[in-house]
Amino acid sequence: MALLDSHYTELAELVEKAMLLQTLEDTVGKNNITIFAPKNQALERDLDPNFKTFLLEPRNLKSLQTLLMSHIIPTRINGSVYNKAGSTRHRTLSLEHKIVIQSNETSQQWLVNGAKIVHLNDVMRPDGVIHGIERLLIPRSVQDDFNRRRSLVSIAAIKPEGAPEVDPRTHRLKKPPPPQNPGSPPALPIFDALAPGPSLAPAPAPGNGRFLALTLLM
């Protein structure tokens, strides 16, 4: 994507992985676009590694697409529109999410969905404009999806308890053994300790095997 220069290669890589290049080219062909983009340092420094792993998993492609399209407005908005205090709402390429731009005439501070615009009109080209922002904008639906996935992973990581054991003699559930001190020998239940072992036949007396067999036949 030509509009994203060397300061935004991390974002451009995400756009490519999300398979949105054709969508952006089609949008630019119809009208100019405005991108609110965090620079490489913000994505590398501030983005949760687990969240980035979540975005790059193939099964979460829709979440990645929703997140990226929520940073793009299908119209050109230059810095000159922020000269007056107030807030405006704009439709993004992700139809379910909108961007709210707030400006403060006194402090000359501009916010987009609560994130500071730190580089106004950072990249201006015939097909659009980029405003640099301090961090990634994460829609609520994407955050909720990430939280659900994280909860499922946490649940799956818990080792399930074994099924209760049944005593074959009493047909009752076995009581769990009491906790033991480290290094102590294992304690057997009383019915296991007293259970008779296999019977052992006496060993034959040494001698001629043929003579012993004849003696038994007599």
N, C-alpha and C. Protein backbone atom coordinates (compact mmCIF):
# COMPACT_ATOMS: atom_id res chain seq x y z
N MET A 1 0.86 -1.20 0.00
CA MET A 1 0.00 0.00 0.00
C MET A 1 0.89 1.23 0.00
N ALA A 2 0.85 1.99 -1.06
CA ALA A 2 1.78 3.10 -1.25
C ALA A 2 1.58 4.21 -0.22
N LEU A 3 0.35 4.36 0.28
CA LEU A 3 0.09 5.46 1.20
C LEU A 3 0.82 5.28 2.52
N LEU A 4 1.05 4.05 2.94
CA LEU A 4 1.75 3.77 4.19
C LEU A 4 3.26 3.79 3.92
N ASP A 5 3.96 4.79 4.44
CA ASP A 5 5.39 4.92 4.17
C ASP A 5 6.20 4.10 5.18
N SER A 6 7.49 4.36 5.25
CA SER A 6 8.39 3.54 6.06
C SER A 6 8.11 3.62 7.55
N HIS A 7 7.41 4.66 8.00
CA HIS A 7 7.09 4.77 9.42
C HIS A 7 5.95 3.86 9.83
N TYR A 8 5.27 3.28 8.86
CA TYR A 8 4.08 2.48 9.16
C TYR A 8 4.16 1.08 8.54
N THR A 9 5.35 0.53 8.49
CA THR A 9 5.50 -0.78 7.86
C THR A 9 4.84 -1.89 8.68
N GLU A 10 4.81 -1.74 10.01
CA GLU A 10 4.15 -2.74 10.85
C GLU A 10 2.66 -2.80 10.53
N LEU A 11 2.04 -1.64 10.38
CA LEU A 11 0.63 -1.60 10.03
C LEU A 11 0.40 -2.13 8.63
N ALA A 12 1.29 -1.78 7.71
CA ALA A 12 1.16 -2.26 6.33
C ALA A 12 1.25 -3.79 6.29
N GLU A 13 2.09 -4.36 7.14
CA GLU A 13 2.22 -5.82 7.20
C GLU A 13 0.92 -6.47 7.69
N LEU A 14 0.29 -5.84 8.67
CA LEU A 14 -0.99 -6.35 9.16
C LEU A 14 -2.07 -6.26 8.08
N VAL A 15 -2.05 -5.17 7.32
CA VAL A 15 -3.02 -5.02 6.22
C VAL A 15 -2.84 -6.13 5.20
N GLU A 16 -1.60 -6.45 4.90
CA GLU A 16 -1.33 -7.52 3.93
C GLU A 16 -1.78 -8.88 4.47
N LYS A 17 -1.49 -9.15 5.74
CA LYS A 17 -1.90 -10.42 6.34
C LYS A 17 -3.41 -10.54 6.43
N ALA A 18 -4.09 -9.41 6.55
CA ALA A 18 -5.55 -9.42 6.63
C ALA A 18 -6.20 -9.51 5.25
N MET A 19 -5.39 -9.54 4.20
CA MET A 19 -5.88 -9.65 2.82
C MET A 19 -6.84 -8.50 2.48
N LEU A 20 -6.42 -7.28 2.87
CA LEU A 20 -7.26 -6.10 2.65
C LEU A 20 -6.71 -5.18 1.56
N LEU A 21 -5.63 -5.58 0.89
CA LEU A 21 -5.04 -4.71 -0.11
C LEU A 21 -6.03 -4.38 -1.23
N GLN A 22 -6.75 -5.38 -1.69
CA GLN A 22 -7.70 -5.14 -2.78
C GLN A 22 -8.84 -4.25 -2.31
N THR A 23 -9.28 -4.44 -1.08
CA THR A 23 -10.35 -3.61 -0.53
C THR A 23 -9.92 -2.15 -0.47
N LEU A 24 -8.70 -1.90 -0.04
CA LEU A 24 -8.20 -0.53 0.04
C LEU A 24 -8.01 0.08 -1.35
N GLU A 25 -7.52 -0.71 -2.28
CA GLU A 25 -7.36 -0.20 -3.64
C GLU A 25 -8.70 0.18 -4.25
N ASP A 26 -9.71 -0.64 -4.00
CA ASP A 26 -11.05 -0.32 -4.51
C ASP A 26 -11.60 0.94 -3.85
N THR A 27 -11.34 1.12 -2.56
CA THR A 27 -11.83 2.30 -1.85
C THR A 27 -11.13 3.56 -2.35
N VAL A 28 -9.81 3.48 -2.52
CA VAL A 28 -9.05 4.62 -3.03
C VAL A 28 -9.50 4.97 -4.45
N GLY A 29 -9.86 3.97 -5.24
CA GLY A 29 -10.31 4.23 -6.61
C GLY A 29 -11.60 5.01 -6.67
N LYS A 30 -12.42 4.92 -5.60
CA LYS A 30 -13.71 5.61 -5.59
C LYS A 30 -13.62 6.97 -4.89
N ASN A 31 -12.84 7.05 -3.83
CA ASN A 31 -12.68 8.30 -3.10
C ASN A 31 -11.40 8.27 -2.30
N ASN A 32 -10.97 9.47 -1.84
CA ASN A 32 -9.80 9.54 -0.97
C ASN A 32 -10.11 8.86 0.36
N ILE A 33 -9.04 8.50 1.08
CA ILE A 33 -9.23 7.87 2.38
C ILE A 33 -8.39 8.60 3.43
N THR A 34 -8.80 8.43 4.68
CA THR A 34 -8.05 8.93 5.82
C THR A 34 -7.73 7.75 6.72
N ILE A 35 -6.45 7.63 7.07
CA ILE A 35 -6.01 6.52 7.93
C ILE A 35 -5.46 7.10 9.22
N PHE A 36 -5.96 6.61 10.33
CA PHE A 36 -5.39 6.93 11.64
C PHE A 36 -4.50 5.75 12.01
N ALA A 37 -3.19 5.99 11.98
CA ALA A 37 -2.24 4.88 12.05
C ALA A 37 -1.21 5.08 13.16
N PRO A 38 -1.02 4.04 14.00
CA PRO A 38 0.10 4.08 14.94
C PRO A 38 1.40 3.76 14.22
N LYS A 39 2.47 4.43 14.62
CA LYS A 39 3.76 4.16 13.98
C LYS A 39 4.34 2.83 14.47
N ASN A 40 5.41 2.43 13.82
CA ASN A 40 6.02 1.13 14.14
C ASN A 40 6.36 1.00 15.62
N GLN A 41 6.91 2.07 16.21
CA GLN A 41 7.34 2.00 17.60
C GLN A 41 6.17 1.70 18.53
N ALA A 42 5.01 2.27 18.23
CA ALA A 42 3.84 2.06 19.09
C ALA A 42 3.37 0.61 19.04
N LEU A 43 3.40 0.02 17.86
CA LEU A 43 2.97 -1.37 17.74
C LEU A 43 3.98 -2.32 18.37
N GLU A 44 5.25 -2.03 18.21
CA GLU A 44 6.27 -2.92 18.76
C GLU A 44 6.39 -2.78 20.27
N ARG A 45 6.18 -1.58 20.78
CA ARG A 45 6.42 -1.32 22.21
C ARG A 45 5.17 -1.57 23.05
N ASP A 46 4.03 -1.15 22.57
CA ASP A 46 2.83 -1.10 23.41
C ASP A 46 1.85 -2.25 23.17
N LEU A 47 1.94 -2.93 22.05
CA LEU A 47 0.94 -3.95 21.75
C LEU A 47 1.24 -5.23 22.53
N ASP A 48 0.23 -5.73 23.20
CA ASP A 48 0.37 -6.97 23.97
C ASP A 48 0.77 -8.11 23.03
N PRO A 49 1.88 -8.81 23.30
CA PRO A 49 2.29 -9.92 22.42
C PRO A 49 1.22 -10.98 22.25
N ASN A 50 0.45 -11.26 23.32
CA ASN A 50 -0.62 -12.25 23.21
C ASN A 50 -1.72 -11.76 22.27
N PHE A 51 -1.98 -10.46 22.31
CA PHE A 51 -3.01 -9.91 21.43
C PHE A 51 -2.54 -9.95 19.98
N LYS A 52 -1.27 -9.67 19.75
CA LYS A 52 -0.75 -9.73 18.38
C LYS A 52 -0.79 -11.16 17.86
N THR A 53 -0.45 -12.13 18.71
CA THR A 53 -0.55 -13.54 18.31
C THR A 53 -1.98 -13.89 17.96
N PHE A 54 -2.92 -13.40 18.75
CA PHE A 54 -4.34 -13.62 18.49
C PHE A 54 -4.74 -13.07 17.12
N LEU A 55 -4.28 -11.87 16.79
CA LEU A 55 -4.65 -11.25 15.51
C LEU A 55 -4.09 -12.03 14.32
N LEU A 56 -2.92 -12.64 14.50
CA LEU A 56 -2.26 -13.30 13.36
C LEU A 56 -2.70 -14.74 13.17
N GLU A 57 -3.51 -15.27 14.08
CA GLU A 57 -4.01 -16.62 13.89
C GLU A 57 -5.04 -16.64 12.77
N PRO A 58 -4.96 -17.61 11.84
CA PRO A 58 -5.88 -17.64 10.69
C PRO A 58 -7.35 -17.65 11.09
N ARG A 59 -7.69 -18.31 12.19
CA ARG A 59 -9.10 -18.39 12.58
C ARG A 59 -9.64 -17.04 13.05
N ASN A 60 -8.75 -16.08 13.35
CA ASN A 60 -9.17 -14.76 13.81
C ASN A 60 -9.04 -13.70 12.71
N LEU A 61 -9.09 -14.12 11.48
CA LEU A 61 -8.94 -13.19 10.35
C LEU A 61 -10.00 -12.09 10.38
N LYS A 62 -11.22 -12.45 10.70
CA LYS A 62 -12.30 -11.45 10.72
C LYS A 62 -12.01 -10.37 11.76
N SER A 63 -11.50 -10.76 12.92
CA SER A 63 -11.17 -9.78 13.96
C SER A 63 -10.07 -8.84 13.49
N LEU A 64 -9.06 -9.38 12.81
CA LEU A 64 -7.98 -8.54 12.29
C LEU A 64 -8.51 -7.57 11.24
N GLN A 65 -9.37 -8.03 10.36
CA GLN A 65 -9.94 -7.16 9.34
C GLN A 65 -10.79 -6.06 9.97
N THR A 66 -11.60 -6.43 10.95
CA THR A 66 -12.45 -5.44 11.63
C THR A 66 -11.59 -4.37 12.30
N LEU A 67 -10.53 -4.80 12.96
CA LEU A 67 -9.65 -3.85 13.66
C LEU A 67 -9.02 -2.86 12.68
N LEU A 68 -8.47 -3.37 11.60
CA LEU A 68 -7.77 -2.49 10.65
C LEU A 68 -8.74 -1.55 9.93
N MET A 69 -9.88 -2.07 9.53
CA MET A 69 -10.84 -1.21 8.80
C MET A 69 -11.44 -0.15 9.71
N SER A 70 -11.36 -0.37 11.04
CA SER A 70 -11.85 0.65 11.97
C SER A 70 -10.92 1.85 12.07
N HIS A 71 -9.75 1.78 11.45
CA HIS A 71 -8.81 2.90 11.42
C HIS A 71 -8.93 3.74 10.15
N ILE A 72 -9.83 3.36 9.25
CA ILE A 72 -9.86 3.99 7.92
C ILE A 72 -11.23 4.60 7.66
N ILE A 73 -11.21 5.85 7.25
CA ILE A 73 -12.43 6.56 6.87
C ILE A 73 -12.43 6.73 5.35
N PRO A 74 -13.51 6.38 4.67
CA PRO A 74 -13.53 6.48 3.20
C PRO A 74 -13.78 7.90 2.70
N THR A 75 -13.10 8.83 3.28
CA THR A 75 -13.15 10.23 2.82
C THR A 75 -11.90 10.93 3.33
N ARG A 76 -11.55 12.02 2.73
CA ARG A 76 -10.32 12.74 3.12
C ARG A 76 -10.64 13.77 4.19
N ILE A 77 -9.91 13.68 5.32
CA ILE A 77 -10.09 14.63 6.41
C ILE A 77 -8.73 15.23 6.73
N ASN A 78 -8.50 16.47 6.33
CA ASN A 78 -7.24 17.15 6.59
C ASN A 78 -7.25 17.79 7.98
N GLY A 79 -6.09 18.19 8.43
CA GLY A 79 -5.98 18.80 9.75
C GLY A 79 -6.74 20.09 9.88
N SER A 80 -7.07 20.74 8.79
CA SER A 80 -7.77 22.03 8.85
C SER A 80 -9.16 21.92 9.47
N VAL A 81 -9.75 20.70 9.45
CA VAL A 81 -11.10 20.56 10.00
C VAL A 81 -11.09 20.55 11.52
N TYR A 82 -9.89 20.48 12.14
CA TYR A 82 -9.81 20.40 13.60
C TYR A 82 -9.58 21.75 14.24
N ASN A 83 -9.73 22.83 13.49
CA ASN A 83 -9.46 24.15 14.05
C ASN A 83 -10.50 24.59 15.06
N LYS A 84 -11.66 23.99 15.02
CA LYS A 84 -12.73 24.37 15.95
C LYS A 84 -12.92 23.28 17.00
N ALA A 85 -13.27 23.70 18.23
CA ALA A 85 -13.50 22.73 19.29
C ALA A 85 -14.80 21.97 19.02
N GLY A 86 -14.82 20.73 19.50
CA GLY A 86 -16.02 19.93 19.33
C GLY A 86 -15.65 18.51 18.95
N SER A 87 -16.66 17.74 18.61
CA SER A 87 -16.44 16.34 18.23
C SER A 87 -17.29 16.00 17.02
N THR A 88 -16.78 15.12 16.21
CA THR A 88 -17.49 14.66 15.03
C THR A 88 -17.37 13.14 14.94
N ARG A 89 -18.40 12.52 14.37
CA ARG A 89 -18.41 11.07 14.19
C ARG A 89 -18.28 10.77 12.70
N HIS A 90 -17.52 9.72 12.40
CA HIS A 90 -17.28 9.37 11.01
C HIS A 90 -17.42 7.85 10.83
N ARG A 91 -18.02 7.48 9.73
CA ARG A 91 -18.16 6.07 9.40
C ARG A 91 -16.84 5.53 8.88
N THR A 92 -16.47 4.34 9.32
CA THR A 92 -15.23 3.71 8.88
C THR A 92 -15.55 2.61 7.87
N LEU A 93 -14.49 1.99 7.34
CA LEU A 93 -14.70 0.87 6.43
C LEU A 93 -15.30 -0.32 7.13
N SER A 94 -15.12 -0.40 8.44
CA SER A 94 -15.83 -1.40 9.23
C SER A 94 -17.18 -0.80 9.59
N LEU A 95 -18.22 -1.23 8.90
CA LEU A 95 -19.51 -0.56 8.99
C LEU A 95 -20.09 -0.59 10.40
N GLU A 96 -19.67 -1.54 11.22
CA GLU A 96 -20.24 -1.65 12.57
C GLU A 96 -19.54 -0.73 13.57
N HIS A 97 -18.48 -0.04 13.17
CA HIS A 97 -17.75 0.83 14.08
C HIS A 97 -17.57 2.22 13.46
N LYS A 98 -17.62 3.22 14.33
CA LYS A 98 -17.41 4.61 13.90
C LYS A 98 -16.26 5.21 14.68
N ILE A 99 -15.70 6.26 14.11
CA ILE A 99 -14.60 6.99 14.75
C ILE A 99 -15.15 8.33 15.25
N VAL A 100 -14.77 8.66 16.48
CA VAL A 100 -15.15 9.95 17.06
C VAL A 100 -13.89 10.79 17.19
N ILE A 101 -13.88 11.93 16.51
CA ILE A 101 -12.73 12.84 16.56
C ILE A 101 -13.10 14.03 17.44
N GLN A 102 -12.26 14.27 18.45
CA GLN A 102 -12.48 15.39 19.37
C GLN A 102 -11.32 16.37 19.25
N SER A 103 -11.65 17.63 19.25
CA SER A 103 -10.60 18.66 19.16
C SER A 103 -10.82 19.70 20.25
N ASN A 104 -9.71 20.21 20.77
CA ASN A 104 -9.74 21.24 21.80
C ASN A 104 -8.99 22.44 21.26
N GLU A 105 -9.72 23.50 21.01
CA GLU A 105 -9.12 24.69 20.38
C GLU A 105 -8.08 25.33 21.27
N THR A 106 -8.27 25.26 22.58
CA THR A 106 -7.35 25.91 23.51
C THR A 106 -6.03 25.15 23.61
N SER A 107 -6.12 23.84 23.85
CA SER A 107 -4.91 23.05 24.04
C SER A 107 -4.33 22.54 22.72
N GLN A 108 -5.05 22.76 21.63
CA GLN A 108 -4.61 22.26 20.33
C GLN A 108 -4.35 20.74 20.37
N GLN A 109 -5.20 20.04 21.13
CA GLN A 109 -5.07 18.59 21.25
C GLN A 109 -6.23 17.91 20.53
N TRP A 110 -5.89 16.89 19.73
CA TRP A 110 -6.91 16.17 18.99
C TRP A 110 -6.88 14.70 19.39
N LEU A 111 -8.07 14.15 19.58
CA LEU A 111 -8.21 12.76 19.98
C LEU A 111 -9.08 12.02 18.96
N VAL A 112 -8.76 10.75 18.77
CA VAL A 112 -9.60 9.90 17.94
C VAL A 112 -9.89 8.64 18.76
N ASN A 113 -11.16 8.47 19.13
CA ASN A 113 -11.58 7.38 20.02
C ASN A 113 -10.71 7.31 21.27
N GLY A 114 -10.36 8.48 21.80
CA GLY A 114 -9.60 8.56 23.04
C GLY A 114 -8.10 8.54 22.87
N ALA A 115 -7.59 8.22 21.69
CA ALA A 115 -6.14 8.18 21.45
C ALA A 115 -5.68 9.52 20.88
N LYS A 116 -4.52 9.98 21.33
CA LYS A 116 -4.00 11.26 20.86
C LYS A 116 -3.53 11.17 19.41
N ILE A 117 -3.84 12.20 18.65
CA ILE A 117 -3.27 12.34 17.30
C ILE A 117 -1.94 13.07 17.48
N VAL A 118 -0.85 12.34 17.35
CA VAL A 118 0.47 12.90 17.65
C VAL A 118 1.17 13.45 16.40
N HIS A 119 0.73 13.04 15.23
CA HIS A 119 1.34 13.54 13.99
C HIS A 119 0.21 13.86 13.01
N LEU A 120 -0.26 15.11 13.09
CA LEU A 120 -1.34 15.54 12.21
C LEU A 120 -0.83 15.73 10.78
N ASN A 121 -1.57 15.23 9.82
CA ASN A 121 -1.18 15.33 8.40
C ASN A 121 0.24 14.78 8.17
N ASP A 122 0.53 13.65 8.80
CA ASP A 122 1.89 13.11 8.74
C ASP A 122 2.28 12.72 7.32
N VAL A 123 1.35 12.12 6.59
CA VAL A 123 1.59 11.74 5.19
C VAL A 123 0.41 12.25 4.37
N MET A 124 0.70 13.07 3.37
CA MET A 124 -0.36 13.62 2.52
C MET A 124 -0.02 13.29 1.07
N ARG A 125 -0.94 12.60 0.42
CA ARG A 125 -0.75 12.22 -0.97
C ARG A 125 -2.07 12.42 -1.71
N PRO A 126 -2.02 12.37 -3.03
CA PRO A 126 -3.26 12.60 -3.78
C PRO A 126 -4.38 11.62 -3.44
N ASP A 127 -4.02 10.40 -3.03
CA ASP A 127 -5.07 9.41 -2.77
C ASP A 127 -5.50 9.34 -1.31
N GLY A 128 -4.90 10.16 -0.43
CA GLY A 128 -5.35 10.14 0.95
C GLY A 128 -4.36 10.79 1.90
N VAL A 129 -4.69 10.69 3.19
CA VAL A 129 -3.88 11.32 4.22
C VAL A 129 -3.77 10.37 5.40
N ILE A 130 -2.62 10.43 6.08
CA ILE A 130 -2.40 9.65 7.29
C ILE A 130 -2.17 10.59 8.46
N HIS A 131 -2.89 10.34 9.54
CA HIS A 131 -2.64 11.03 10.80
C HIS A 131 -2.04 10.01 11.77
N GLY A 132 -0.87 10.31 12.30
CA GLY A 132 -0.23 9.39 13.24
C GLY A 132 -0.88 9.47 14.61
N ILE A 133 -1.20 8.31 15.19
CA ILE A 133 -1.83 8.27 16.52
C ILE A 133 -0.92 7.50 17.47
N GLU A 134 -1.16 7.67 18.77
CA GLU A 134 -0.25 7.13 19.78
C GLU A 134 -0.37 5.63 19.97
N ARG A 135 -1.49 5.03 19.60
CA ARG A 135 -1.68 3.61 19.84
C ARG A 135 -2.72 3.05 18.87
N LEU A 136 -2.83 1.74 18.91
CA LEU A 136 -3.80 1.04 18.07
C LEU A 136 -5.20 1.25 18.63
N LEU A 137 -6.18 1.43 17.75
CA LEU A 137 -7.57 1.53 18.16
C LEU A 137 -8.18 0.12 18.13
N ILE A 138 -8.69 -0.33 19.26
CA ILE A 138 -9.22 -1.69 19.35
C ILE A 138 -10.73 -1.62 19.56
N PRO A 139 -11.51 -2.01 18.56
CA PRO A 139 -12.96 -2.01 18.71
C PRO A 139 -13.41 -2.96 19.82
N ARG A 140 -14.55 -2.66 20.41
CA ARG A 140 -15.04 -3.49 21.51
C ARG A 140 -15.30 -4.93 21.08
N SER A 141 -15.80 -5.12 19.87
CA SER A 141 -16.09 -6.49 19.41
C SER A 141 -14.82 -7.32 19.30
N VAL A 142 -13.71 -6.69 18.88
CA VAL A 142 -12.44 -7.41 18.77
C VAL A 142 -11.89 -7.71 20.16
N GLN A 143 -12.00 -6.75 21.07
CA GLN A 143 -11.53 -6.97 22.44
C GLN A 143 -12.31 -8.10 23.11
N ASP A 144 -13.63 -8.12 22.89
CA ASP A 144 -14.45 -9.18 23.47
C ASP A 144 -14.08 -10.54 22.90
N ASP A 145 -13.83 -10.59 21.60
CA ASP A 145 -13.44 -11.85 20.98
C ASP A 145 -12.11 -12.34 21.55
N PHE A 146 -11.17 -11.42 21.73
CA PHE A 146 -9.87 -11.79 22.31
C PHE A 146 -10.03 -12.31 23.73
N ASN A 147 -10.88 -11.66 24.52
CA ASN A 147 -11.11 -12.09 25.90
C ASN A 147 -11.73 -13.48 25.94
N ARG A 148 -12.66 -13.75 25.02
CA ARG A 148 -13.28 -15.08 24.98
C ARG A 148 -12.24 -16.15 24.63
N ARG A 149 -11.41 -15.88 23.64
CA ARG A 149 -10.37 -16.83 23.26
C ARG A 149 -9.41 -17.08 24.42
N ARG A 150 -9.04 -16.00 25.11
CA ARG A 150 -8.10 -16.13 26.22
C ARG A 150 -8.70 -16.95 27.35
N SER A 151 -10.02 -16.77 27.60
CA SER A 151 -10.68 -17.54 28.64
C SER A 151 -10.72 -19.02 28.28
N LEU A 152 -10.98 -19.31 27.01
CA LEU A 152 -11.03 -20.70 26.58
C LEU A 152 -9.66 -21.36 26.72
N VAL A 153 -8.61 -20.63 26.39
CA VAL A 153 -7.26 -21.18 26.54
C VAL A 153 -6.95 -21.44 28.00
N SER A 154 -7.38 -20.54 28.88
CA SER A 154 -7.13 -20.72 30.31
C SER A 154 -7.86 -21.94 30.83
N ILE A 155 -9.09 -22.12 30.37
CA ILE A 155 -9.87 -23.28 30.82
C ILE A 155 -9.23 -24.57 30.31
N ALA A 156 -8.80 -24.56 29.05
CA ALA A 156 -8.22 -25.76 28.46
C ALA A 156 -6.89 -26.10 29.12
N ALA A 157 -6.21 -25.11 29.68
CA ALA A 157 -4.90 -25.36 30.29
C ALA A 157 -5.02 -25.99 31.67
N ILE A 158 -6.21 -25.98 32.26
CA ILE A 158 -6.40 -26.57 33.58
C ILE A 158 -6.52 -28.08 33.44
N LYS A 159 -5.71 -28.80 34.18
CA LYS A 159 -5.74 -30.26 34.12
C LYS A 159 -7.00 -30.77 34.81
N PRO A 160 -7.86 -31.52 34.12
CA PRO A 160 -9.09 -32.00 34.74
C PRO A 160 -8.79 -33.04 35.82
N GLU A 161 -9.63 -33.08 36.83
CA GLU A 161 -9.47 -34.07 37.88
C GLU A 161 -9.89 -35.44 37.36
N GLY A 162 -9.21 -36.49 37.87
CA GLY A 162 -9.53 -37.84 37.45
C GLY A 162 -10.89 -38.29 37.97
N ALA A 163 -11.46 -39.28 37.33
CA ALA A 163 -12.74 -39.81 37.77
C ALA A 163 -12.58 -40.49 39.13
N PRO A 164 -13.58 -40.44 40.00
CA PRO A 164 -13.45 -41.08 41.32
C PRO A 164 -13.30 -42.59 41.19
N GLU A 165 -12.47 -43.18 42.06
CA GLU A 165 -12.24 -44.62 42.03
C GLU A 165 -13.25 -45.33 42.92
N VAL A 166 -13.63 -46.53 42.49
CA VAL A 166 -14.60 -47.34 43.23
C VAL A 166 -13.89 -48.54 43.81
N ASP A 167 -14.13 -48.81 45.08
CA ASP A 167 -13.55 -49.98 45.74
C ASP A 167 -14.27 -51.23 45.24
N PRO A 168 -13.56 -52.17 44.60
CA PRO A 168 -14.24 -53.36 44.06
C PRO A 168 -14.80 -54.28 45.14
N ARG A 169 -14.32 -54.13 46.39
CA ARG A 169 -14.80 -55.01 47.45
C ARG A 169 -16.08 -54.49 48.08
N THR A 170 -16.17 -53.17 48.27
CA THR A 170 -17.34 -52.59 48.93
C THR A 170 -18.27 -51.89 47.95
N HIS A 171 -17.78 -51.68 46.71
CA HIS A 171 -18.54 -50.97 45.69
C HIS A 171 -18.90 -49.55 46.14
N ARG A 172 -18.01 -48.96 46.91
CA ARG A 172 -18.17 -47.59 47.34
C ARG A 172 -17.00 -46.76 46.82
N LEU A 173 -17.21 -45.46 46.80
CA LEU A 173 -16.15 -44.58 46.33
C LEU A 173 -14.99 -44.62 47.32
N LYS A 174 -13.79 -44.69 46.77
CA LYS A 174 -12.61 -44.65 47.61
C LYS A 174 -12.38 -43.23 48.11
N LYS A 175 -11.99 -43.12 49.36
CA LYS A 175 -11.65 -41.81 49.90
C LYS A 175 -10.24 -41.43 49.44
N PRO A 176 -10.05 -40.17 49.10
CA PRO A 176 -8.70 -39.77 48.68
C PRO A 176 -7.73 -39.94 49.82
N PRO A 177 -6.49 -40.35 49.53
CA PRO A 177 -5.50 -40.54 50.60
C PRO A 177 -5.14 -39.21 51.24
N PRO A 178 -4.79 -39.23 52.51
CA PRO A 178 -4.40 -37.98 53.18
C PRO A 178 -3.10 -37.44 52.60
N PRO A 179 -2.89 -36.15 52.69
CA PRO A 179 -1.64 -35.57 52.17
C PRO A 179 -0.43 -36.14 52.90
N GLN A 180 0.65 -36.34 52.15
CA GLN A 180 1.86 -36.91 52.72
C GLN A 180 2.99 -35.89 52.70
N ASN A 181 3.88 -36.06 53.64
CA ASN A 181 5.06 -35.20 53.67
C ASN A 181 6.03 -35.61 52.56
N PRO A 182 6.73 -34.67 51.99
CA PRO A 182 7.70 -35.02 50.94
C PRO A 182 8.73 -36.02 51.45
N GLY A 183 8.99 -37.06 50.68
CA GLY A 183 9.99 -38.06 51.04
C GLY A 183 9.45 -39.23 51.82
N SER A 184 8.20 -39.15 52.31
CA SER A 184 7.65 -40.26 53.07
C SER A 184 7.21 -41.37 52.13
N PRO A 185 7.29 -42.65 52.57
CA PRO A 185 6.89 -43.77 51.70
C PRO A 185 5.40 -43.73 51.45
N PRO A 186 4.95 -44.20 50.29
CA PRO A 186 3.51 -44.18 49.98
C PRO A 186 2.75 -45.07 50.94
N ALA A 187 1.60 -44.59 51.37
CA ALA A 187 0.74 -45.35 52.29
C ALA A 187 -0.33 -46.07 51.50
N LEU A 188 -0.45 -47.38 51.74
CA LEU A 188 -1.49 -48.17 51.07
C LEU A 188 -2.75 -48.19 51.92
N PRO A 189 -3.91 -48.16 51.30
CA PRO A 189 -5.15 -48.34 52.06
C PRO A 189 -5.11 -49.68 52.80
N ILE A 190 -5.81 -49.77 53.95
CA ILE A 190 -5.74 -50.96 54.79
C ILE A 190 -6.20 -52.21 54.06
N PHE A 191 -7.22 -52.06 53.20
CA PHE A 191 -7.70 -53.26 52.51
C PHE A 191 -6.71 -53.72 51.45
N ASP A 192 -5.88 -52.80 50.92
CA ASP A 192 -4.85 -53.20 49.98
C ASP A 192 -3.66 -53.84 50.71
N ALA A 193 -3.35 -53.29 51.91
CA ALA A 193 -2.21 -53.83 52.64
C ALA A 193 -2.49 -55.23 53.16
N LEU A 194 -3.77 -55.52 53.52
CA LEU A 194 -4.12 -56.82 54.07
C LEU A 194 -4.58 -57.81 53.02
N ALA A 195 -4.72 -57.36 51.78
CA ALA A 195 -5.21 -58.26 50.74
C ALA A 195 -4.22 -59.38 50.53
N PRO A 196 -4.72 -60.66 50.45
CA PRO A 196 -3.78 -61.78 50.23
C PRO A 196 -3.13 -61.70 48.87
N GLY A 197 -1.85 -62.07 48.84
CA GLY A 197 -1.15 -62.06 47.57
C GLY A 197 -1.32 -63.38 46.85
N PRO A 198 -0.72 -63.55 45.72
CA PRO A 198 -0.86 -64.80 44.97
C PRO A 198 -0.21 -65.95 45.73
N SER A 199 -0.88 -67.14 45.70
CA SER A 199 -0.35 -68.32 46.39
C SER A 199 0.88 -68.82 45.66
N LEU A 200 1.86 -69.28 46.43
CA LEU A 200 3.10 -69.77 45.86
C LEU A 200 3.21 -71.26 46.10
N ALA A 201 3.36 -72.08 45.07
CA ALA A 201 3.53 -73.52 45.21
C ALA A 201 4.95 -73.80 45.65
N PRO A 202 5.14 -74.83 46.53
CA PRO A 202 6.51 -75.13 46.97
C PRO A 202 7.36 -75.60 45.81
N ALA A 203 8.61 -75.25 45.84
CA ALA A 203 9.51 -75.64 44.78
C ALA A 203 9.80 -77.13 44.87
N PRO A 204 9.91 -77.83 43.75
CA PRO A 204 10.20 -79.27 43.78
C PRO A 204 11.58 -79.52 44.35
N ALA A 205 11.69 -80.70 45.03
CA ALA A 205 12.98 -81.06 45.63
C ALA A 205 13.97 -81.38 44.54
N PRO A 206 15.23 -81.08 44.77
CA PRO A 206 16.24 -81.40 43.75
C PRO A 206 16.40 -82.91 43.59
N GLY A 207 16.70 -83.35 42.43
CA GLY A 207 16.91 -84.77 42.16
C GLY A 207 16.61 -85.09 40.74
N ASN A 208 16.60 -86.39 40.44
CA ASN A 208 16.33 -86.82 39.07
C ASN A 208 14.88 -86.59 38.76
N GLY A 209 14.63 -85.84 37.77
CA GLY A 209 13.26 -85.54 37.40
C GLY A 209 12.50 -86.77 36.98
N ARG A 210 13.17 -87.73 36.31
CA ARG A 210 12.49 -88.95 35.85
C ARG A 210 12.11 -89.83 37.03
N PHE A 211 13.00 -89.92 38.04
CA PHE A 211 12.72 -90.74 39.21
C PHE A 211 11.54 -90.17 39.98
N LEU A 212 11.45 -88.80 40.09
CA LEU A 212 10.36 -88.17 40.79
C LEU A 212 9.04 -88.44 40.10
N ALA A 213 9.06 -88.40 38.78
CA ALA A 213 7.81 -88.65 38.06
C ALA A 213 7.36 -90.09 38.24
N LEU A 214 8.27 -91.08 38.22
CA LEU A 214 7.91 -92.49 38.41
C LEU A 214 7.37 -92.71 39.81
N THR A 215 7.96 -92.03 40.77
CA THR A 215 7.51 -92.20 42.15
C THR A 215 6.07 -91.72 42.31
N LEU A 216 5.73 -90.63 41.65
CA LEU A 216 4.38 -90.10 41.74
C LEU A 216 3.36 -90.98 41.08
N LEU A 217 3.80 -91.74 40.05
CA LEU A 217 2.88 -92.62 39.35
C LEU A 217 2.65 -93.93 40.12
N MET A 218 3.46 -94.27 41.05
CA MET A 218 3.32 -95.53 41.78
C MET A 218 2.27 -95.41 42.87
